[in-house]
Amino acid sequence: MLNQLLNDFEMEHKFAPHTIDNLLDYYQKKYINGEIDIKTYHDIYSCLHEKGAVSAHEIKSPE
């Protein structure tokens, strides 16, 4: 699954994601924009999270 996610990102952006976190953020944006459904997003999130990806939404800003 990870190879397909990377291929899709690279085809759209014409470059590889800098980090796995960038890949997760890309798919979150696709979900928010209605381009993928919740099941697909959940599967992608689970796969990337297992690999250590952290969403930009999960990072706490310093107080």
C-alpha atoms as a PDB file:
ATOM      1  CA  MET A   1       0.000   0.000   0.000  1.00  0.00           C
ATOM      2  CA  LEU A   2       2.801   2.425   0.872  1.00  0.00           C
ATOM      3  CA  ASN A   3       4.325   2.178  -2.609  1.00  0.00           C
ATOM      4  CA  GLN A   4       0.987   3.085  -4.205  1.00  0.00           C
ATOM      5  CA  LEU A   5       0.543   6.045  -1.842  1.00  0.00           C
ATOM      6  CA  LEU A   6       4.016   7.308  -2.746  1.00  0.00           C
ATOM      7  CA  ASN A   7       3.385   6.831  -6.466  1.00  0.00           C
ATOM      8  CA  ASP A   8       0.110   8.770  -6.306  1.00  0.00           C
ATOM      9  CA  PHE A   9       1.774  11.635  -4.426  1.00  0.00           C
ATOM     10  CA  GLU A  10       4.690  11.769  -6.863  1.00  0.00           C
ATOM     11  CA  MET A  11       2.433  11.699  -9.924  1.00  0.00           C
ATOM     12  CA  GLU A  12       0.443  14.671  -8.644  1.00  0.00           C
ATOM     13  CA  HIS A  13       3.337  16.738  -7.258  1.00  0.00           C
ATOM     14  CA  LYS A  14       6.176  15.685  -9.603  1.00  0.00           C
ATOM     15  CA  PHE A  15       8.448  15.126  -6.575  1.00  0.00           C
ATOM     16  CA  ALA A  16       8.665  12.721  -3.657  1.00  0.00           C
ATOM     17  CA  PRO A  17       7.336  13.750  -0.243  1.00  0.00           C
ATOM     18  CA  HIS A  18      10.087  15.058   2.029  1.00  0.00           C
ATOM     19  CA  THR A  19       8.812  13.002   4.955  1.00  0.00           C
ATOM     20  CA  ILE A  20       6.166  10.410   5.663  1.00  0.00           C
ATOM     21  CA  ASP A  21       4.372  13.180   7.592  1.00  0.00           C
ATOM     22  CA  ASN A  22       4.024  15.120   4.318  1.00  0.00           C
ATOM     23  CA  LEU A  23       2.433  12.066   2.766  1.00  0.00           C
ATOM     24  CA  LEU A  24      -0.111  11.854   5.590  1.00  0.00           C
ATOM     25  CA  ASP A  25      -0.902  15.565   5.311  1.00  0.00           C
ATOM     26  CA  TYR A  26      -1.456  15.132   1.562  1.00  0.00           C
ATOM     27  CA  TYR A  27      -4.013  12.380   2.102  1.00  0.00           C
ATOM     28  CA  GLN A  28      -5.715  14.307   4.902  1.00  0.00           C
ATOM     29  CA  LYS A  29      -6.187  17.175   2.470  1.00  0.00           C
ATOM     30  CA  LYS A  30      -7.648  14.771  -0.109  1.00  0.00           C
ATOM     31  CA  TYR A  31     -10.124  13.525   2.511  1.00  0.00           C
ATOM     32  CA  ILE A  32     -11.093  17.054   3.595  1.00  0.00           C
ATOM     33  CA  ASN A  33     -11.642  18.001  -0.058  1.00  0.00           C
ATOM     34  CA  GLY A  34     -13.929  14.994  -0.549  1.00  0.00           C
ATOM     35  CA  GLU A  35     -11.547  13.238  -2.939  1.00  0.00           C
ATOM     36  CA  ILE A  36     -11.385  10.060  -0.834  1.00  0.00           C
ATOM     37  CA  ASP A  37     -13.938   8.495   1.486  1.00  0.00           C
ATOM     38  CA  ILE A  38     -13.593   7.917   5.231  1.00  0.00           C
ATOM     39  CA  LYS A  39     -12.790   4.190   4.877  1.00  0.00           C
ATOM     40  CA  THR A  40      -9.982   4.875   2.424  1.00  0.00           C
ATOM     41  CA  TYR A  41      -8.660   7.680   4.612  1.00  0.00           C
ATOM     42  CA  HIS A  42      -8.776   5.457   7.699  1.00  0.00           C
ATOM     43  CA  ASP A  43      -6.840   2.713   5.897  1.00  0.00           C
ATOM     44  CA  ILE A  44      -4.229   5.208   4.687  1.00  0.00           C
ATOM     45  CA  TYR A  45      -3.970   6.860   8.106  1.00  0.00           C
ATOM     46  CA  SER A  46      -3.483   3.493   9.819  1.00  0.00           C
ATOM     47  CA  CYS A  47      -0.806   2.411   7.348  1.00  0.00           C
ATOM     48  CA  LEU A  48       1.153   5.659   7.598  1.00  0.00           C
ATOM     49  CA  HIS A  49       0.723   5.950  11.366  1.00  0.00           C
ATOM     50  CA  GLU A  50       2.193   2.439  11.768  1.00  0.00           C
ATOM     51  CA  LYS A  51       5.228   3.703   9.839  1.00  0.00           C
ATOM     52  CA  GLY A  52       5.626   6.620  12.266  1.00  0.00           C
ATOM     53  CA  ALA A  53       3.763   9.385  10.449  1.00  0.00           C
ATOM     54  CA  VAL A  54       2.406  12.213  12.577  1.00  0.00           C
ATOM     55  CA  SER A  55      -0.241  14.589  11.266  1.00  0.00           C
ATOM     56  CA  ALA A  56       0.397  18.312  11.343  1.00  0.00           C
ATOM     57  CA  HIS A  57      -2.869  18.457  13.306  1.00  0.00           C
ATOM     58  CA  GLU A  58      -1.391  16.219  16.015  1.00  0.00           C
ATOM     59  CA  ILE A  59       1.704  18.324  16.639  1.00  0.00           C
ATOM     60  CA  LYS A  60       1.275  20.558  19.636  1.00  0.00           C
ATOM     61  CA  SER A  61       2.638  24.064  19.326  1.00  0.00           C
ATOM     62  CA  PRO A  62       4.853  25.314  22.143  1.00  0.00           C
ATOM     63  CA  GLU A  63       2.960  27.315  24.715  1.00  0.00           C
END
